[in-house]
Amino acid sequence: MKSPRIDGLLVARKAAGLRWPTVKAVLQGRISSHTMSATALSDAEADYFKLSETSAQRTLRFWKVRVGSV
């Protein structure tokens, strides 16, 4: 949540099946030093809709395995 990168947030929320308005609220409510421009938010929305829920769940499982093996 503190990172300026949003890919992890998008993957986790898509894996959980959240709808875009909820994800948008999370992104906009992050720490004030990481506010998003309208362009960045629009790009995030496009990325979110390109990502399938199944793909996001698979990515989370991969990340968990990778972290567990370190």
Protein backbone atom coordinates (compact mmCIF):
# COMPACT_ATOMS: atom_id res chain seq x y z
CA MET A 1 0.00 0.00 0.00
CA LYS A 2 2.94 2.36 0.61
CA SER A 3 4.69 1.62 -2.68
CA PRO A 4 4.21 3.96 -5.63
CA ARG A 5 3.87 0.85 -7.83
CA ILE A 6 0.32 -0.40 -8.20
CA ASP A 7 0.68 -3.69 -10.06
CA GLY A 8 0.56 -5.77 -6.89
CA LEU A 9 -2.57 -3.96 -5.73
CA LEU A 10 -4.27 -4.50 -9.07
CA VAL A 11 -3.42 -8.21 -9.13
CA ALA A 12 -4.55 -8.80 -5.54
CA ARG A 13 -7.82 -6.94 -5.99
CA LYS A 14 -8.58 -8.65 -9.31
CA ALA A 15 -7.85 -12.05 -7.73
CA ALA A 16 -10.34 -11.17 -5.00
CA GLY A 17 -12.96 -10.35 -7.62
CA LEU A 18 -13.37 -6.70 -6.65
CA ARG A 19 -15.09 -4.37 -9.09
CA TRP A 20 -13.33 -1.35 -10.57
CA PRO A 21 -15.09 1.33 -8.44
CA THR A 22 -13.78 -0.36 -5.29
CA VAL A 23 -10.27 -0.71 -6.71
CA LYS A 24 -10.32 2.92 -7.83
CA ALA A 25 -11.29 4.02 -4.30
CA VAL A 26 -8.41 2.00 -2.84
CA LEU A 27 -5.95 3.53 -5.30
CA GLN A 28 -7.19 7.04 -4.62
CA GLY A 29 -7.18 6.52 -0.85
CA ARG A 30 -3.55 5.47 -0.61
CA ILE A 31 -0.98 7.58 1.23
CA SER A 32 -1.21 11.19 0.07
CA SER A 33 2.39 11.23 -1.20
CA HIS A 34 1.37 8.67 -3.83
CA THR A 35 -1.66 10.37 -5.33
CA MET A 36 -2.45 9.30 -8.86
CA SER A 37 -2.89 11.57 -11.84
CA ALA A 38 -5.97 11.16 -14.00
CA THR A 39 -3.78 9.61 -16.71
CA ALA A 40 -2.23 7.10 -14.30
CA LEU A 41 -5.67 6.18 -12.99
CA SER A 42 -6.95 5.71 -16.52
CA ASP A 43 -3.94 3.49 -17.34
CA ALA A 44 -4.57 1.48 -14.17
CA GLU A 45 -8.19 0.99 -15.16
CA ALA A 46 -7.16 -0.28 -18.60
CA ASP A 47 -4.64 -2.67 -17.02
CA TYR A 48 -7.24 -3.87 -14.53
CA PHE A 49 -9.74 -4.74 -17.24
CA LYS A 50 -7.09 -6.51 -19.33
CA LEU A 51 -6.21 -8.78 -16.40
CA SER A 52 -8.41 -11.81 -15.94
CA GLU A 53 -9.40 -12.97 -12.47
CA THR A 54 -7.91 -16.41 -13.20
CA SER A 55 -4.60 -14.90 -14.28
CA ALA A 56 -4.50 -12.72 -11.18
CA GLN A 57 -5.12 -15.72 -8.91
CA ARG A 58 -2.38 -17.68 -10.68
CA THR A 59 0.03 -14.76 -10.27
CA LEU A 60 -0.72 -14.54 -6.53
CA ARG A 61 -0.05 -18.27 -6.12
CA PHE A 62 3.26 -17.85 -7.95
CA TRP A 63 4.25 -14.91 -5.74
CA LYS A 64 3.42 -16.91 -2.61
CA VAL A 65 5.55 -19.86 -3.75
CA ARG A 66 8.41 -17.55 -4.72
CA VAL A 67 8.37 -15.76 -1.37
CA GLY A 68 8.18 -19.08 0.47
CA SER A 69 11.26 -20.42 -1.29
CA VAL A 70 13.49 -17.43 -0.46
